[in-house]
Each structure stands twice: as structure tokens, then as C-alpha cells.
Amino acid sequence: MAFRFEDWKVWHMAVDLSNEIDLLAKSFPADERFSLASQMKRAADSVVLNIAEGSTGQTKPEFRRFLNIALRSAVEVVACLYLAIKRKYINPDISDKN
């Protein structure tokens, strides 16, 4: 593997999450495709991308900054999932998935 982040379990978990969110968003009503579904997908992708970007050629403080952005994006995904549950786009049991 060419980049450090490719060896990190957390990055692979973020990629898996992003793919799951993409699949989930496809089940949303058509009128949500360009709002909540799109926002949720962008936030999930942001986790992956910020981990990767921060891992390469950065100082430790700069790397921490990228990881903090990734963390905030992950929290945004969780908030989007709560909205999707509240709007009945997804089943509340989705949180039980491992």
C-alpha cells in the first residue's frame, strides 16, 4: 500500500461506513435525494477524506486538525441518521447493526 492511511483500520471502517450510508441514502424518498441524503453522504465521505488527507505530510497539530474535522463529520452522520429515523426514512433498529 502506497499511503499510511491505507494500513489503518479506522480508515477502512470509515470507508465501510461511507458505503453503507450511500446504500442507505438510495432508499430515501426522491424529494430527499438532494437534501438530507446528499448531506449524509457528503459527511460520511468527509470522514474518509479527512483521515486520508491529514495522514500525509502534515505536522502533528495539522494532523490532529484533520482528525477533528473527520470526527465532527462522523457526528454529523449520526445526527443525519437521527433525522432519517424521525422522518421514518429508516428503521430505528438500524443502530443495532454491527
Protein backbone atom coordinates (compact mmCIF):
# COMPACT_ATOMS: atom_id res chain seq x y z
CA MET A 1 0.00 0.00 0.00
CA ALA A 2 1.31 3.39 -1.00
CA PHE A 3 -0.16 5.63 1.72
CA ARG A 4 -0.07 5.37 5.52
CA PHE A 5 -3.83 5.65 5.93
CA GLU A 6 -4.34 2.53 3.79
CA ASP A 7 -2.95 0.45 6.68
CA TRP A 8 -5.26 1.99 9.27
CA LYS A 9 -8.28 0.05 10.48
CA VAL A 10 -10.12 3.30 11.28
CA TRP A 11 -9.81 4.44 7.67
CA HIS A 12 -11.17 1.11 6.38
CA MET A 13 -14.04 1.35 8.87
CA ALA A 14 -14.79 4.86 7.61
CA VAL A 15 -14.82 3.58 4.00
CA ASP A 16 -17.24 0.82 5.02
CA LEU A 17 -19.46 3.36 6.81
CA SER A 18 -19.45 5.62 3.76
CA ASN A 19 -20.51 2.75 1.53
CA GLU A 20 -23.30 1.76 3.95
CA ILE A 21 -24.54 5.35 4.09
CA ASP A 22 -24.53 5.53 0.28
CA LEU A 23 -26.67 2.40 0.06
CA LEU A 24 -28.99 3.62 2.80
CA ALA A 25 -29.43 7.04 1.21
CA LYS A 26 -30.62 5.39 -2.00
CA SER A 27 -33.68 4.16 -0.11
CA PHE A 28 -34.76 7.69 0.87
CA PRO A 29 -37.75 9.32 -0.83
CA ALA A 30 -36.95 11.10 -4.10
CA ASP A 31 -37.56 14.53 -2.57
CA GLU A 32 -34.79 13.89 -0.02
CA ARG A 33 -32.11 12.85 -2.50
CA PHE A 34 -30.71 16.37 -2.78
CA SER A 35 -31.10 17.36 0.86
CA LEU A 36 -30.72 15.00 3.81
CA ALA A 37 -29.47 12.03 1.76
CA SER A 38 -26.89 14.18 0.00
CA GLN A 39 -25.76 15.82 3.23
CA MET A 40 -25.39 12.48 4.96
CA LYS A 41 -23.36 11.05 2.07
CA ARG A 42 -21.07 14.10 1.96
CA ALA A 43 -20.49 13.91 5.72
CA ALA A 44 -19.64 10.19 5.55
CA ASP A 45 -17.26 10.80 2.66
CA SER A 46 -15.68 13.66 4.61
CA VAL A 47 -14.66 11.25 7.37
CA VAL A 48 -12.76 9.10 4.88
CA LEU A 49 -11.21 12.01 3.03
CA ASN A 50 -10.06 13.95 6.10
CA ILE A 51 -8.36 10.92 7.62
CA ALA A 52 -6.55 10.36 4.34
CA GLU A 53 -5.63 13.99 3.75
CA GLY A 54 -4.41 14.53 7.29
CA SER A 55 -2.19 11.47 7.22
CA THR A 56 0.17 12.64 4.53
CA GLY A 57 2.94 15.17 5.05
CA GLN A 58 1.32 17.03 7.91
CA THR A 59 2.67 18.26 11.22
CA LYS A 60 1.14 16.65 14.32
CA PRO A 61 -1.07 19.69 15.07
CA GLU A 62 -2.24 19.77 11.45
CA PHE A 63 -2.92 16.02 11.50
CA ARG A 64 -4.98 16.48 14.69
CA ARG A 65 -6.93 19.23 12.97
CA PHE A 66 -7.88 16.88 10.11
CA LEU A 67 -8.84 14.14 12.58
CA ASN A 68 -11.03 16.62 14.45
CA ILE A 69 -12.77 17.52 11.19
CA ALA A 70 -13.27 13.79 10.50
CA LEU A 71 -14.75 13.35 13.97
CA ARG A 72 -17.15 16.26 13.51
CA SER A 73 -18.23 14.80 10.17
CA ALA A 74 -18.88 11.44 11.85
CA VAL A 75 -21.07 13.18 14.43
CA GLU A 76 -22.90 14.86 11.56
CA VAL A 77 -23.62 11.43 10.05
CA VAL A 78 -25.10 10.30 13.36
CA ALA A 79 -27.30 13.42 13.53
CA CYS A 80 -28.47 12.78 9.97
CA LEU A 81 -29.36 9.21 10.92
CA TYR A 82 -31.48 10.53 13.80
CA LEU A 83 -33.30 12.84 11.39
CA ALA A 84 -33.85 9.98 8.97
CA ILE A 85 -35.30 7.84 11.75
CA LYS A 86 -37.54 10.68 12.94
CA ARG A 87 -38.80 11.20 9.38
CA LYS A 88 -39.38 7.44 9.08
CA TYR A 89 -36.99 7.02 6.13
CA ILE A 90 -35.15 4.27 8.00
CA ASN A 91 -35.98 1.82 10.75
CA PRO A 92 -34.75 2.76 14.26
CA ASP A 93 -33.19 -0.72 14.53
CA ILE A 94 -30.50 0.40 12.07
CA SER A 95 -28.38 1.39 15.07
CA ASP A 96 -28.25 -2.24 16.15
CA LYS A 97 -26.26 -3.20 13.06
CA ASN A 98 -22.64 -4.19 13.81
